[in-house]
Amino acid sequence: MPRYYFHYRTEDELIRDEAGSDLADLEAAEHQAAEIGKAIIDKVAGEGGEMDAPRSIEITDDDGEELLYVVFWAGPKIGDGTASPINPATVH
């Protein structure tokens, strides 16, 4: 089973995943990255952080080859509600 690494990038920094995860294929890794992105947005929202800054999860393989980017951010505030996560977009 291949090992994938999920590096978290903001405008200011790159947080590298040193452990990685064994997953069936790149599609499973993409779903995992989307879940990570949602968890990050939920955490940022709960802490009152900046919601409209773009963020990404960069998926690499064991050799460090970049395979996929999952870009995410929270959508704009509409009405009286708070910003809410939008569906992650992938860039192959």
Protein backbone atom coordinates (compact mmCIF):
# COMPACT_ATOMS: atom_id res chain seq x y z
CA MET A 1 0.00 0.00 0.00
CA PRO A 2 1.51 3.38 -0.97
CA ARG A 3 2.40 6.00 1.64
CA TYR A 4 1.21 9.56 1.10
CA TYR A 5 2.34 12.72 2.88
CA PHE A 6 0.02 15.66 3.56
CA HIS A 7 1.95 18.94 3.84
CA TYR A 8 -0.10 21.91 5.04
CA ARG A 9 0.64 25.25 3.34
CA THR A 10 -0.55 28.70 4.34
CA GLU A 11 0.52 32.03 2.87
CA ASP A 12 3.27 32.17 5.49
CA GLU A 13 4.53 28.66 6.06
CA LEU A 14 4.70 25.02 5.08
CA ILE A 15 4.11 22.41 7.78
CA ARG A 16 5.55 19.12 6.60
CA ASP A 17 3.96 15.77 7.34
CA GLU A 18 6.92 13.63 8.39
CA ALA A 19 4.91 10.47 9.20
CA GLY A 20 2.62 10.06 6.19
CA SER A 21 -0.30 7.63 5.86
CA ASP A 22 -0.69 4.35 4.04
CA LEU A 23 -3.71 4.57 1.76
CA ALA A 24 -5.07 2.48 -1.10
CA ASP A 25 -4.54 5.05 -3.87
CA LEU A 26 -4.38 8.74 -4.77
CA GLU A 27 -8.17 9.06 -4.69
CA ALA A 28 -8.17 7.90 -1.06
CA ALA A 29 -5.36 10.39 -0.35
CA GLU A 30 -7.42 13.17 -1.96
CA HIS A 31 -10.37 12.36 0.31
CA GLN A 32 -8.06 12.32 3.33
CA ALA A 33 -6.67 15.74 2.34
CA ALA A 34 -10.21 17.13 2.04
CA GLU A 35 -10.99 15.87 5.55
CA ILE A 36 -7.80 17.45 6.88
CA GLY A 37 -8.75 20.73 5.18
CA LYS A 38 -12.22 20.67 6.73
CA ALA A 39 -10.75 20.00 10.18
CA ILE A 40 -8.32 22.89 9.77
CA ILE A 41 -11.08 25.31 8.74
CA ASP A 42 -13.26 24.15 11.65
CA LYS A 43 -10.35 24.75 14.05
CA VAL A 44 -9.53 28.18 12.58
CA ALA A 45 -13.20 29.19 12.77
CA GLY A 46 -13.46 28.02 16.37
CA GLU A 47 -10.40 30.08 17.30
CA GLY A 48 -11.66 33.21 15.49
CA GLY A 49 -8.84 33.06 12.94
CA GLU A 50 -8.69 34.51 9.45
CA MET A 51 -11.18 32.57 7.39
CA ASP A 52 -10.61 33.90 3.89
CA ALA A 53 -6.89 33.10 3.59
CA PRO A 54 -6.20 30.37 1.04
CA ARG A 55 -4.66 27.18 2.37
CA SER A 56 -3.67 23.92 0.74
CA ILE A 57 -2.71 20.36 1.47
CA GLU A 58 0.10 19.22 -0.80
CA ILE A 59 0.12 15.46 -1.27
CA THR A 60 3.47 13.85 -2.03
CA ASP A 61 4.72 10.28 -2.31
CA ASP A 62 7.63 8.53 -0.56
CA ASP A 63 10.07 10.08 -3.02
CA GLY A 64 8.77 13.61 -2.30
CA GLU A 65 7.14 13.88 -5.74
CA GLU A 66 4.20 16.30 -5.68
CA LEU A 67 1.08 14.42 -6.73
CA LEU A 68 -1.87 16.64 -5.93
CA TYR A 69 -2.81 19.95 -4.27
CA VAL A 70 -6.09 20.32 -2.40
CA VAL A 71 -6.85 24.03 -2.02
CA PHE A 72 -9.43 25.21 0.50
CA TRP A 73 -10.68 28.24 2.43
CA ALA A 74 -13.88 29.40 4.06
CA GLY A 75 -16.44 31.25 2.01
CA PRO A 76 -17.48 34.84 2.68
CA LYS A 77 -19.88 35.71 5.47
CA ILE A 78 -23.45 35.87 4.18
CA GLY A 79 -26.17 37.51 6.22
CA ASP A 80 -25.88 37.08 9.97
CA GLY A 81 -24.14 33.70 9.80
CA THR A 82 -20.47 32.97 10.07
CA ALA A 83 -18.20 31.98 7.23
CA SER A 84 -18.52 28.35 6.29
CA PRO A 85 -16.10 25.97 4.56
CA ILE A 86 -16.53 25.57 0.84
CA ASN A 87 -15.90 22.32 -0.94
CA PRO A 88 -12.18 21.71 -1.46
CA ALA A 89 -10.88 22.11 -4.98
CA THR A 90 -8.12 19.93 -6.33
CA VAL A 91 -5.33 20.88 -8.64
CA HIS A 92 -3.65 17.97 -10.40
